Amino acid sequence: MDDDPADRRDPDARFLLANERTLLAWLRTGLALQAAGVATFQFGNQLDAQESISLGLIAVGLACHLTGWWRYRAADAAIRANRLPRRGLAPDAIVLGAVVLSVAVGALLLRDVLG
């Protein structure tokens, strides 16, 4: 029969709550990147590429928000279907973007200090 009672049970609440905590971590990270973008714009007057770096940090922060929401929805559906969600490439792309922007800020600050 297709109506197996084991298929209709609710998922463990611990998995759902862990998924929500993961979403909150994505949102915190996105807010931190956006705050760094605003700070760079406000206080980075001596940086040559101040506007570009600020906008890049804000964009990566927004990507964190969207990725977190998308992954939350995918993981919720997977948990309720009793399977694992797919990982995807978005976390790697966000880390790469944050690293590139961090290196750019560090290089510009180092150039100003040494030059």
PDB file of N, CA and C in Angstrom:
ATOM      1  N   MET A   1       0.824  -1.187   0.000  1.00  0.00           N
ATOM      2  CA  MET A   1       0.000   0.000   0.000  1.00  0.00           C
ATOM      3  C   MET A   1       0.868   1.250   0.000  1.00  0.00           C
ATOM      4  N   ASP A   2       0.358   2.325  -0.583  1.00  0.00           N
ATOM      5  CA  ASP A   2       1.092   3.575  -0.646  1.00  0.00           C
ATOM      6  C   ASP A   2       0.927   4.424   0.603  1.00  0.00           C
ATOM      7  N   ASP A   3      -0.086   4.168   1.391  1.00  0.00           N
ATOM      8  CA  ASP A   3      -0.349   4.985   2.570  1.00  0.00           C
ATOM      9  C   ASP A   3       0.297   4.378   3.803  1.00  0.00           C
ATOM     10  N   ASP A   4       1.610   4.306   3.797  1.00  0.00           N
ATOM     11  CA  ASP A   4       2.351   3.790   4.932  1.00  0.00           C
ATOM     12  C   ASP A   4       2.358   4.852   6.033  1.00  0.00           C
ATOM     13  N   PRO A   5       1.944   4.527   7.257  1.00  0.00           N
ATOM     14  CA  PRO A   5       1.923   5.514   8.338  1.00  0.00           C
ATOM     15  C   PRO A   5       3.296   6.106   8.622  1.00  0.00           C
ATOM     16  N   ALA A   6       4.358   5.370   8.343  1.00  0.00           N
ATOM     17  CA  ALA A   6       5.702   5.903   8.582  1.00  0.00           C
ATOM     18  C   ALA A   6       6.009   7.063   7.645  1.00  0.00           C
ATOM     19  N   ASP A   7       5.393   7.102   6.462  1.00  0.00           N
ATOM     20  CA  ASP A   7       5.620   8.193   5.514  1.00  0.00           C
ATOM     21  C   ASP A   7       4.913   9.474   5.932  1.00  0.00           C
ATOM     22  N   ARG A   8       3.896   9.356   6.790  1.00  0.00           N
ATOM     23  CA  ARG A   8       3.090  10.519   7.161  1.00  0.00           C
ATOM     24  C   ARG A   8       3.522  11.166   8.477  1.00  0.00           C
ATOM     25  N   ARG A   9       4.540  10.647   9.115  1.00  0.00           N
ATOM     26  CA  ARG A   9       4.937  11.213  10.403  1.00  0.00           C
ATOM     27  C   ARG A   9       5.625  12.572  10.195  1.00  0.00           C
ATOM     28  N   ASP A  10       5.508  13.407  11.207  1.00  0.00           N
ATOM     29  CA  ASP A  10       6.138  14.725  11.156  1.00  0.00           C
ATOM     30  C   ASP A  10       7.642  14.584  11.330  1.00  0.00           C
ATOM     31  N   PRO A  11       8.405  15.484  10.699  1.00  0.00           N
ATOM     32  CA  PRO A  11       9.857  15.424  10.874  1.00  0.00           C
ATOM     33  C   PRO A  11      10.235  15.831  12.298  1.00  0.00           C
ATOM     34  N   ASP A  12      11.412  15.424  12.704  1.00  0.00           N
ATOM     35  CA  ASP A  12      11.926  15.777  14.029  1.00  0.00           C
ATOM     36  C   ASP A  12      12.098  17.290  14.111  1.00  0.00           C
ATOM     37  N   ALA A  13      11.552  17.889  15.138  1.00  0.00           N
ATOM     38  CA  ALA A  13      11.600  19.349  15.290  1.00  0.00           C
ATOM     39  C   ALA A  13      13.034  19.857  15.397  1.00  0.00           C
ATOM     40  N   ARG A  14      13.942  19.033  15.884  1.00  0.00           N
ATOM     41  CA  ARG A  14      15.343  19.474  15.989  1.00  0.00           C
ATOM     42  C   ARG A  14      15.940  19.802  14.631  1.00  0.00           C
ATOM     43  N   PHE A  15      15.567  19.042  13.607  1.00  0.00           N
ATOM     44  CA  PHE A  15      16.070  19.317  12.264  1.00  0.00           C
ATOM     45  C   PHE A  15      15.490  20.624  11.725  1.00  0.00           C
ATOM     46  N   LEU A  16      14.218  20.842  11.972  1.00  0.00           N
ATOM     47  CA  LEU A  16      13.585  22.081  11.505  1.00  0.00           C
ATOM     48  C   LEU A  16      14.172  23.295  12.218  1.00  0.00           C
ATOM     49  N   LEU A  17      14.415  23.166  13.527  1.00  0.00           N
ATOM     50  CA  LEU A  17      15.000  24.280  14.275  1.00  0.00           C
ATOM     51  C   LEU A  17      16.449  24.522  13.862  1.00  0.00           C
ATOM     52  N   ALA A  18      17.190  23.471  13.587  1.00  0.00           N
ATOM     53  CA  ALA A  18      18.561  23.638  13.094  1.00  0.00           C
ATOM     54  C   ALA A  18      18.564  24.349  11.749  1.00  0.00           C
ATOM     55  N   ASN A  19      17.597  24.042  10.919  1.00  0.00           N
ATOM     56  CA  ASN A  19      17.476  24.714   9.627  1.00  0.00           C
ATOM     57  C   ASN A  19      17.201  26.206   9.827  1.00  0.00           C
ATOM     58  N   GLU A  20      16.354  26.545  10.799  1.00  0.00           N
ATOM     59  CA  GLU A  20      16.073  27.951  11.081  1.00  0.00           C
ATOM     60  C   GLU A  20      17.312  28.660  11.620  1.00  0.00           C
ATOM     61  N   ARG A  21      18.086  27.991  12.468  1.00  0.00           N
ATOM     62  CA  ARG A  21      19.325  28.598  12.976  1.00  0.00           C
ATOM     63  C   ARG A  21      20.317  28.843  11.845  1.00  0.00           C
ATOM     64  N   THR A  22      20.348  27.932  10.895  1.00  0.00           N
ATOM     65  CA  THR A  22      21.234  28.112   9.749  1.00  0.00           C
ATOM     66  C   THR A  22      20.799  29.325   8.926  1.00  0.00           C
ATOM     67  N   LEU A  23      19.496  29.489   8.729  1.00  0.00           N
ATOM     68  CA  LEU A  23      18.994  30.677   8.029  1.00  0.00           C
ATOM     69  C   LEU A  23      19.413  31.942   8.766  1.00  0.00           C
ATOM     70  N   LEU A  24      19.275  31.948  10.087  1.00  0.00           N
ATOM     71  CA  LEU A  24      19.669  33.123  10.863  1.00  0.00           C
ATOM     72  C   LEU A  24      21.168  33.405  10.734  1.00  0.00           C
ATOM     73  N   ALA A  25      21.990  32.375  10.631  1.00  0.00           N
ATOM     74  CA  ALA A  25      23.427  32.574  10.428  1.00  0.00           C
ATOM     75  C   ALA A  25      23.695  33.221   9.070  1.00  0.00           C
ATOM     76  N   TRP A  26      22.977  32.775   8.040  1.00  0.00           N
ATOM     77  CA  TRP A  26      23.114  33.396   6.715  1.00  0.00           C
ATOM     78  C   TRP A  26      22.729  34.874   6.782  1.00  0.00           C
ATOM     79  N   LEU A  27      21.629  35.168   7.474  1.00  0.00           N
ATOM     80  CA  LEU A  27      21.173  36.560   7.571  1.00  0.00           C
ATOM     81  C   LEU A  27      22.162  37.408   8.356  1.00  0.00           C
ATOM     82  N   ARG A  28      22.711  36.876   9.444  1.00  0.00           N
ATOM     83  CA  ARG A  28      23.715  37.614  10.225  1.00  0.00           C
ATOM     84  C   ARG A  28      24.948  37.912   9.384  1.00  0.00           C
ATOM     85  N   THR A  29      25.388  36.918   8.627  1.00  0.00           N
ATOM     86  CA  THR A  29      26.560  37.113   7.773  1.00  0.00           C
ATOM     87  C   THR A  29      26.288  38.179   6.716  1.00  0.00           C
ATOM     88  N   GLY A  30      25.102  38.113   6.110  1.00  0.00           N
ATOM     89  CA  GLY A  30      24.738  39.114   5.110  1.00  0.00           C
ATOM     90  C   GLY A  30      24.686  40.517   5.692  1.00  0.00           C
ATOM     91  N   LEU A  31      24.118  40.648   6.889  1.00  0.00           N
ATOM     92  CA  LEU A  31      24.064  41.959   7.541  1.00  0.00           C
ATOM     93  C   LEU A  31      25.455  42.472   7.878  1.00  0.00           C
ATOM     94  N   ALA A  32      26.341  41.579   8.315  1.00  0.00           N
ATOM     95  CA  ALA A  32      27.711  41.988   8.624  1.00  0.00           C
ATOM     96  C   ALA A  32      28.435  42.476   7.370  1.00  0.00           C
ATOM     97  N   LEU A  33      28.251  41.784   6.256  1.00  0.00           N
ATOM     98  CA  LEU A  33      28.885  42.226   5.006  1.00  0.00           C
ATOM     99  C   LEU A  33      28.313  43.566   4.546  1.00  0.00           C
ATOM    100  N   GLN A  34      27.005  43.741   4.692  1.00  0.00           N
ATOM    101  CA  GLN A  34      26.406  45.006   4.297  1.00  0.00           C
ATOM    102  C   GLN A  34      26.862  46.134   5.223  1.00  0.00           C
ATOM    103  N   ALA A  35      26.997  45.861   6.511  1.00  0.00           N
ATOM    104  CA  ALA A  35      27.511  46.873   7.433  1.00  0.00           C
ATOM    105  C   ALA A  35      28.950  47.241   7.077  1.00  0.00           C
ATOM    106  N   ALA A  36      29.743  46.259   6.683  1.00  0.00           N
ATOM    107  CA  ALA A  36      31.109  46.546   6.245  1.00  0.00           C
ATOM    108  C   ALA A  36      31.101  47.412   4.991  1.00  0.00           C
ATOM    109  N   GLY A  37      30.152  47.169   4.095  1.00  0.00           N
ATOM    110  CA  GLY A  37      30.036  47.998   2.899  1.00  0.00           C
ATOM    111  C   GLY A  37      29.677  49.436   3.230  1.00  0.00           C
ATOM    112  N   VAL A  38      28.752  49.619   4.159  1.00  0.00           N
ATOM    113  CA  VAL A  38      28.372  50.971   4.570  1.00  0.00           C
ATOM    114  C   VAL A  38      29.541  51.659   5.277  1.00  0.00           C
ATOM    115  N   ALA A  39      30.248  50.930   6.143  1.00  0.00           N
ATOM    116  CA  ALA A  39      31.403  51.501   6.840  1.00  0.00           C
ATOM    117  C   ALA A  39      32.503  51.881   5.861  1.00  0.00           C
ATOM    118  N   THR A  40      32.733  51.029   4.872  1.00  0.00           N
ATOM    119  CA  THR A  40      33.747  51.347   3.862  1.00  0.00           C
ATOM    120  C   THR A  40      33.357  52.602   3.095  1.00  0.00           C
ATOM    121  N   PHE A  41      32.099  52.740   2.797  1.00  0.00           N
ATOM    122  CA  PHE A  41      31.642  53.929   2.074  1.00  0.00           C
ATOM    123  C   PHE A  41      31.780  55.182   2.939  1.00  0.00           C
ATOM    124  N   GLN A  42      31.441  55.064   4.216  1.00  0.00           N
ATOM    125  CA  GLN A  42      31.473  56.230   5.113  1.00  0.00           C
ATOM    126  C   GLN A  42      32.891  56.640   5.487  1.00  0.00           C
ATOM    127  N   PHE A  43      33.736  55.671   5.802  1.00  0.00           N
ATOM    128  CA  PHE A  43      35.038  55.976   6.389  1.00  0.00           C
ATOM    129  C   PHE A  43      36.224  55.657   5.489  1.00  0.00           C
ATOM    130  N   GLY A  44      35.981  55.170   4.308  1.00  0.00           N
ATOM    131  CA  GLY A  44      37.075  54.799   3.423  1.00  0.00           C
ATOM    132  C   GLY A  44      37.407  55.867   2.404  1.00  0.00           C
ATOM    133  N   ASN A  45      37.429  57.110   2.819  1.00  0.00           N
ATOM    134  CA  ASN A  45      37.651  58.222   1.886  1.00  0.00           C
ATOM    135  C   ASN A  45      38.975  58.126   1.148  1.00  0.00           C
ATOM    136  N   GLN A  46      39.996  57.560   1.783  1.00  0.00           N
ATOM    137  CA  GLN A  46      41.304  57.506   1.135  1.00  0.00           C
ATOM    138  C   GLN A  46      41.452  56.324   0.174  1.00  0.00           C
ATOM    139  N   LEU A  47      40.489  55.438   0.122  1.00  0.00           N
ATOM    140  CA  LEU A  47      40.580  54.298  -0.792  1.00  0.00           C
ATOM    141  C   LEU A  47      40.193  54.723  -2.205  1.00  0.00           C
ATOM    142  N   ASP A  48      40.959  54.272  -3.182  1.00  0.00           N
ATOM    143  CA  ASP A  48      40.684  54.632  -4.574  1.00  0.00           C
ATOM    144  C   ASP A  48      39.368  54.035  -5.065  1.00  0.00           C
ATOM    145  N   ALA A  49      39.131  52.802  -4.756  1.00  0.00           N
ATOM    146  CA  ALA A  49      37.951  52.098  -5.269  1.00  0.00           C
ATOM    147  C   ALA A  49      36.883  51.977  -4.177  1.00  0.00           C
ATOM    148  N   GLN A  50      36.719  53.033  -3.389  1.00  0.00           N
ATOM    149  CA  GLN A  50      35.814  53.000  -2.239  1.00  0.00           C
ATOM    150  C   GLN A  50      34.399  52.625  -2.634  1.00  0.00           C
ATOM    151  N   GLU A  51      33.856  53.277  -3.664  1.00  0.00           N
ATOM    152  CA  GLU A  51      32.471  53.013  -4.052  1.00  0.00           C
ATOM    153  C   GLU A  51      32.301  51.588  -4.578  1.00  0.00           C
ATOM    154  N   SER A  52      33.255  51.129  -5.367  1.00  0.00           N
ATOM    155  CA  SER A  52      33.165  49.776  -5.926  1.00  0.00           C
ATOM    156  C   SER A  52      33.220  48.716  -4.840  1.00  0.00           C
ATOM    157  N   ILE A  53      34.120  48.891  -3.892  1.00  0.00           N
ATOM    158  CA  ILE A  53      34.243  47.922  -2.812  1.00  0.00           C
ATOM    159  C   ILE A  53      32.997  47.952  -1.939  1.00  0.00           C
ATOM    160  N   SER A  54      32.497  49.145  -1.646  1.00  0.00           N
ATOM    161  CA  SER A  54      31.284  49.267  -0.826  1.00  0.00           C
ATOM    162  C   SER A  54      30.109  48.578  -1.490  1.00  0.00           C
ATOM    163  N   LEU A  55      29.913  48.862  -2.763  1.00  0.00           N
ATOM    164  CA  LEU A  55      28.805  48.231  -3.474  1.00  0.00           C
ATOM    165  C   LEU A  55      28.996  46.714  -3.580  1.00  0.00           C
ATOM    166  N   GLY A  56      30.234  46.283  -3.749  1.00  0.00           N
ATOM    167  CA  GLY A  56      30.513  44.847  -3.804  1.00  0.00           C
ATOM    168  C   GLY A  56      30.175  44.153  -2.490  1.00  0.00           C
ATOM    169  N   LEU A  57      30.552  44.768  -1.369  1.00  0.00           N
ATOM    170  CA  LEU A  57      30.228  44.182  -0.067  1.00  0.00           C
ATOM    171  C   LEU A  57      28.722  44.138   0.165  1.00  0.00           C
ATOM    172  N   ILE A  58      28.035  45.185  -0.214  1.00  0.00           N
ATOM    173  CA  ILE A  58      26.579  45.213  -0.057  1.00  0.00           C
ATOM    174  C   ILE A  58      25.927  44.159  -0.949  1.00  0.00           C
ATOM    175  N   ALA A  59      26.449  43.996  -2.163  1.00  0.00           N
ATOM    176  CA  ALA A  59      25.900  42.987  -3.082  1.00  0.00           C
ATOM    177  C   ALA A  59      26.148  41.571  -2.560  1.00  0.00           C
ATOM    178  N   VAL A  60      27.327  41.313  -2.013  1.00  0.00           N
ATOM    179  CA  VAL A  60      27.615  39.986  -1.465  1.00  0.00           C
ATOM    180  C   VAL A  60      26.728  39.734  -0.240  1.00  0.00           C
ATOM    181  N   GLY A  61      26.477  40.779   0.550  1.00  0.00           N
ATOM    182  CA  GLY A  61      25.554  40.642   1.674  1.00  0.00           C
ATOM    183  C   GLY A  61      24.149  40.293   1.213  1.00  0.00           C
ATOM    184  N   LEU A  62      23.699  40.945   0.163  1.00  0.00           N
ATOM    185  CA  LEU A  62      22.384  40.631  -0.397  1.00  0.00           C
ATOM    186  C   LEU A  62      22.355  39.199  -0.933  1.00  0.00           C
ATOM    187  N   ALA A  63      23.442  38.777  -1.561  1.00  0.00           N
ATOM    188  CA  ALA A  63      23.523  37.393  -2.046  1.00  0.00           C
ATOM    189  C   ALA A  63      23.438  36.404  -0.883  1.00  0.00           C
ATOM    190  N   CYS A  64      24.003  36.762   0.271  1.00  0.00           N
ATOM    191  CA  CYS A  64      23.885  35.913   1.469  1.00  0.00           C
ATOM    192  C   CYS A  64      22.433  35.781   1.898  1.00  0.00           C
ATOM    193  N   HIS A  65      21.712  36.898   1.900  1.00  0.00           N
ATOM    194  CA  HIS A  65      20.306  36.860   2.293  1.00  0.00           C
ATOM    195  C   HIS A  65      19.509  35.955   1.352  1.00  0.00           C
ATOM    196  N   LEU A  66      19.693  36.149   0.065  1.00  0.00           N
ATOM    197  CA  LEU A  66      18.933  35.365  -0.912  1.00  0.00           C
ATOM    198  C   LEU A  66      19.312  33.887  -0.879  1.00  0.00           C
ATOM    199  N   THR A  67      20.613  33.611  -0.749  1.00  0.00           N
ATOM    200  CA  THR A  67      21.066  32.224  -0.686  1.00  0.00           C
ATOM    201  C   THR A  67      20.544  31.543   0.571  1.00  0.00           C
ATOM    202  N   GLY A  68      20.600  32.253   1.688  1.00  0.00           N
ATOM    203  CA  GLY A  68      20.092  31.688   2.932  1.00  0.00           C
ATOM    204  C   GLY A  68      18.621  31.347   2.839  1.00  0.00           C
ATOM    205  N   TRP A  69      17.849  32.254   2.262  1.00  0.00           N
ATOM    206  CA  TRP A  69      16.410  31.996   2.109  1.00  0.00           C
ATOM    207  C   TRP A  69      16.164  30.804   1.191  1.00  0.00           C
ATOM    208  N   TRP A  70      16.886  30.769   0.054  1.00  0.00           N
ATOM    209  CA  TRP A  70      16.707  29.677  -0.901  1.00  0.00           C
ATOM    210  C   TRP A  70      17.093  28.338  -0.269  1.00  0.00           C
ATOM    211  N   ARG A  71      18.222  28.321   0.435  1.00  0.00           N
ATOM    212  CA  ARG A  71      18.678  27.075   1.055  1.00  0.00           C
ATOM    213  C   ARG A  71      17.742  26.653   2.191  1.00  0.00           C
ATOM    214  N   TYR A  72      17.199  27.612   2.916  1.00  0.00           N
ATOM    215  CA  TYR A  72      16.246  27.294   3.978  1.00  0.00           C
ATOM    216  C   TYR A  72      15.027  26.581   3.395  1.00  0.00           C
ATOM    217  N   ARG A  73      14.485  27.149   2.320  1.00  0.00           N
ATOM    218  CA  ARG A  73      13.306  26.545   1.690  1.00  0.00           C
ATOM    219  C   ARG A  73      13.620  25.149   1.143  1.00  0.00           C
ATOM    220  N   ALA A  74      14.779  25.001   0.492  1.00  0.00           N
ATOM    221  CA  ALA A  74      15.155  23.697  -0.066  1.00  0.00           C
ATOM    222  C   ALA A  74      15.383  22.673   1.044  1.00  0.00           C
ATOM    223  N   ALA A  75      16.051  23.070   2.122  1.00  0.00           N
ATOM    224  CA  ALA A  75      16.306  22.147   3.223  1.00  0.00           C
ATOM    225  C   ALA A  75      15.009  21.783   3.936  1.00  0.00           C
ATOM    226  N   ASP A  76      14.093  22.743   4.087  1.00  0.00           N
ATOM    227  CA  ASP A  76      12.816  22.444   4.727  1.00  0.00           C
ATOM    228  C   ASP A  76      12.046  21.396   3.928  1.00  0.00           C
ATOM    229  N   ALA A  77      11.998  21.584   2.613  1.00  0.00           N
ATOM    230  CA  ALA A  77      11.306  20.610   1.767  1.00  0.00           C
ATOM    231  C   ALA A  77      11.986  19.241   1.836  1.00  0.00           C
ATOM    232  N   ALA A  78      13.321  19.240   1.846  1.00  0.00           N
ATOM    233  CA  ALA A  78      14.046  17.974   1.905  1.00  0.00           C
ATOM    234  C   ALA A  78      13.825  17.280   3.248  1.00  0.00           C
ATOM    235  N   ILE A  79      13.844  18.036   4.339  1.00  0.00           N
ATOM    236  CA  ILE A  79      13.633  17.447   5.661  1.00  0.00           C
ATOM    237  C   ILE A  79      12.247  16.816   5.736  1.00  0.00           C
ATOM    238  N   ARG A  80      11.259  17.528   5.221  1.00  0.00           N
ATOM    239  CA  ARG A  80       9.894  17.016   5.272  1.00  0.00           C
ATOM    240  C   ARG A  80       9.714  15.797   4.357  1.00  0.00           C
ATOM    241  N   ALA A  81      10.567  15.678   3.323  1.00  0.00           N
ATOM    242  CA  ALA A  81      10.515  14.518   2.422  1.00  0.00           C
ATOM    243  C   ALA A  81      11.464  13.406   2.877  1.00  0.00           C
ATOM    244  N   ASN A  82      12.104  13.591   4.046  1.00  0.00           N
ATOM    245  CA  ASN A  82      13.009  12.608   4.620  1.00  0.00           C
ATOM    246  C   ASN A  82      14.202  12.309   3.707  1.00  0.00           C
ATOM    247  N   ARG A  83      14.800  13.363   3.194  1.00  0.00           N
ATOM    248  CA  ARG A  83      16.008  13.226   2.372  1.00  0.00           C
ATOM    249  C   ARG A  83      16.935  14.393   2.675  1.00  0.00           C
ATOM    250  N   LEU A  84      18.132  14.354   2.118  1.00  0.00           N
ATOM    251  CA  LEU A  84      19.102  15.426   2.321  1.00  0.00           C
ATOM    252  C   LEU A  84      18.981  16.452   1.197  1.00  0.00           C
ATOM    253  N   PRO A  85      19.154  17.745   1.510  1.00  0.00           N
ATOM    254  CA  PRO A  85      19.116  18.757   0.443  1.00  0.00           C
ATOM    255  C   PRO A  85      20.414  18.759  -0.355  1.00  0.00           C
ATOM    256  N   ARG A  86      20.338  19.249  -1.579  1.00  0.00           N
ATOM    257  CA  ARG A  86      21.547  19.402  -2.387  1.00  0.00           C
ATOM    258  C   ARG A  86      22.344  20.594  -1.875  1.00  0.00           C
ATOM    259  N   ARG A  87      23.648  20.541  -2.025  1.00  0.00           N
ATOM    260  CA  ARG A  87      24.518  21.587  -1.490  1.00  0.00           C
ATOM    261  C   ARG A  87      24.515  22.825  -2.367  1.00  0.00           C
ATOM    262  N   GLY A  88      24.763  22.691  -3.636  1.00  0.00           N
ATOM    263  CA  GLY A  88      24.799  23.834  -4.539  1.00  0.00           C
ATOM    264  C   GLY A  88      26.130  24.568  -4.492  1.00  0.00           C
ATOM    265  N   LEU A  89      26.288  25.539  -5.387  1.00  0.00           N
ATOM    266  CA  LEU A  89      27.535  26.303  -5.506  1.00  0.00           C
ATOM    267  C   LEU A  89      27.459  27.686  -4.877  1.00  0.00           C
ATOM    268  N   ALA A  90      26.295  28.124  -4.454  1.00  0.00           N
ATOM    269  CA  ALA A  90      26.138  29.484  -3.934  1.00  0.00           C
ATOM    270  C   ALA A  90      27.046  29.778  -2.739  1.00  0.00           C
ATOM    271  N   PRO A  91      27.187  28.887  -1.764  1.00  0.00           N
ATOM    272  CA  PRO A  91      28.088  29.207  -0.646  1.00  0.00           C
ATOM    273  C   PRO A  91      29.530  29.437  -1.100  1.00  0.00           C
ATOM    274  N   ASP A  92      29.996  28.634  -2.048  1.00  0.00           N
ATOM    275  CA  ASP A  92      31.352  28.809  -2.557  1.00  0.00           C
ATOM    276  C   ASP A  92      31.504  30.154  -3.274  1.00  0.00           C
ATOM    277  N   ALA A  93      30.500  30.532  -4.046  1.00  0.00           N
ATOM    278  CA  ALA A  93      30.557  31.812  -4.761  1.00  0.00           C
ATOM    279  C   ALA A  93      30.554  32.987  -3.791  1.00  0.00           C
ATOM    280  N   ILE A  94      29.781  32.893  -2.723  1.00  0.00           N
ATOM    281  CA  ILE A  94      29.735  33.975  -1.747  1.00  0.00           C
ATOM    282  C   ILE A  94      31.069  34.084  -1.007  1.00  0.00           C
ATOM    283  N   VAL A  95      31.632  32.962  -0.621  1.00  0.00           N
ATOM    284  CA  VAL A  95      32.937  32.988   0.045  1.00  0.00           C
ATOM    285  C   VAL A  95      33.989  33.575  -0.883  1.00  0.00           C
ATOM    286  N   LEU A  96      33.976  33.177  -2.137  1.00  0.00           N
ATOM    287  CA  LEU A  96      34.938  33.706  -3.103  1.00  0.00           C
ATOM    288  C   LEU A  96      34.773  35.218  -3.252  1.00  0.00           C
ATOM    289  N   GLY A  97      33.534  35.690  -3.356  1.00  0.00           N
ATOM    290  CA  GLY A  97      33.298  37.131  -3.464  1.00  0.00           C
ATOM    291  C   GLY A  97      33.778  37.885  -2.239  1.00  0.00           C
ATOM    292  N   ALA A  98      33.510  37.357  -1.052  1.00  0.00           N
ATOM    293  CA  ALA A  98      33.953  38.019   0.184  1.00  0.00           C
ATOM    294  C   ALA A  98      35.479  38.036   0.289  1.00  0.00           C
ATOM    295  N   VAL A  99      36.122  36.944  -0.115  1.00  0.00           N
ATOM    296  CA  VAL A  99      37.583  36.886  -0.061  1.00  0.00           C
ATOM    297  C   VAL A  99      38.195  37.883  -1.049  1.00  0.00           C
ATOM    298  N   VAL A 100      37.670  37.944  -2.259  1.00  0.00           N
ATOM    299  CA  VAL A 100      38.195  38.880  -3.262  1.00  0.00           C
ATOM    300  C   VAL A 100      38.057  40.317  -2.777  1.00  0.00           C
ATOM    301  N   LEU A 101      36.904  40.661  -2.221  1.00  0.00           N
ATOM    302  CA  LEU A 101      36.711  42.017  -1.720  1.00  0.00           C
ATOM    303  C   LEU A 101      37.603  42.304  -0.515  1.00  0.00           C
ATOM    304  N   SER A 102      37.795  41.337   0.356  1.00  0.00           N
ATOM    305  CA  SER A 102      38.673  41.528   1.511  1.00  0.00           C
ATOM    306  C   SER A 102      40.118  41.738   1.079  1.00  0.00           C
ATOM    307  N   VAL A 103      40.558  40.962   0.114  1.00  0.00           N
ATOM    308  CA  VAL A 103      41.921  41.122  -0.399  1.00  0.00           C
ATOM    309  C   VAL A 103      42.067  42.493  -1.060  1.00  0.00           C
ATOM    310  N   ALA A 104      41.052  42.951  -1.777  1.00  0.00           N
ATOM    311  CA  ALA A 104      41.107  44.271  -2.420  1.00  0.00           C
ATOM    312  C   ALA A 104      41.225  45.378  -1.380  1.00  0.00           C
ATOM    313  N   VAL A 105      40.429  45.293  -0.319  1.00  0.00           N
ATOM    314  CA  VAL A 105      40.513  46.302   0.750  1.00  0.00           C
ATOM    315  C   VAL A 105      41.885  46.258   1.411  1.00  0.00           C
ATOM    316  N   GLY A 106      42.363  45.064   1.728  1.00  0.00           N
ATOM    317  CA  GLY A 106      43.681  44.937   2.346  1.00  0.00           C
ATOM    318  C   GLY A 106      44.790  45.470   1.460  1.00  0.00           C
ATOM    319  N   ALA A 107      44.725  45.187   0.165  1.00  0.00           N
ATOM    320  CA  ALA A 107      45.752  45.675  -0.756  1.00  0.00           C
ATOM    321  C   ALA A 107      45.727  47.198  -0.851  1.00  0.00           C
ATOM    322  N   LEU A 108      44.547  47.779  -0.908  1.00  0.00           N
ATOM    323  CA  LEU A 108      44.452  49.238  -0.984  1.00  0.00           C
ATOM    324  C   LEU A 108      44.942  49.901   0.305  1.00  0.00           C
ATOM    325  N   LEU A 109      44.610  49.335   1.437  1.00  0.00           N
ATOM    326  CA  LEU A 109      45.090  49.896   2.719  1.00  0.00           C
ATOM    327  C   LEU A 109      46.595  49.738   2.843  1.00  0.00           C
ATOM    328  N   LEU A 110      47.121  48.591   2.457  1.00  0.00           N
ATOM    329  CA  LEU A 110      48.560  48.359   2.524  1.00  0.00           C
ATOM    330  C   LEU A 110      49.300  49.320   1.593  1.00  0.00           C
ATOM    331  N   ARG A 111      48.757  49.549   0.406  1.00  0.00           N
ATOM    332  CA  ARG A 111      49.381  50.477  -0.531  1.00  0.00           C
ATOM    333  C   ARG A 111      49.408  51.901   0.048  1.00  0.00           C
ATOM    334  N   ASP A 112      48.324  52.295   0.721  1.00  0.00           N
ATOM    335  CA  ASP A 112      48.284  53.620   1.317  1.00  0.00           C
ATOM    336  C   ASP A 112      49.274  53.743   2.481  1.00  0.00           C
ATOM    337  N   VAL A 113      49.451  52.681   3.257  1.00  0.00           N
ATOM    338  CA  VAL A 113      50.358  52.715   4.387  1.00  0.00           C
ATOM    339  C   VAL A 113      51.802  52.740   3.909  1.00  0.00           C
ATOM    340  N   LEU A 114      52.118  51.950   2.896  1.00  0.00           N
ATOM    341  CA  LEU A 114      53.491  51.851   2.409  1.00  0.00           C
ATOM    342  C   LEU A 114      53.841  52.935   1.391  1.00  0.00           C
ATOM    343  N   GLY A 115      52.852  53.505   0.756  1.00  0.00           N
ATOM    344  CA  GLY A 115      53.153  54.387  -0.355  1.00  0.00           C
ATOM    345  C   GLY A 115      52.977  55.805  -0.097  1.00  0.00           C
TER     346      GLY A 115
END
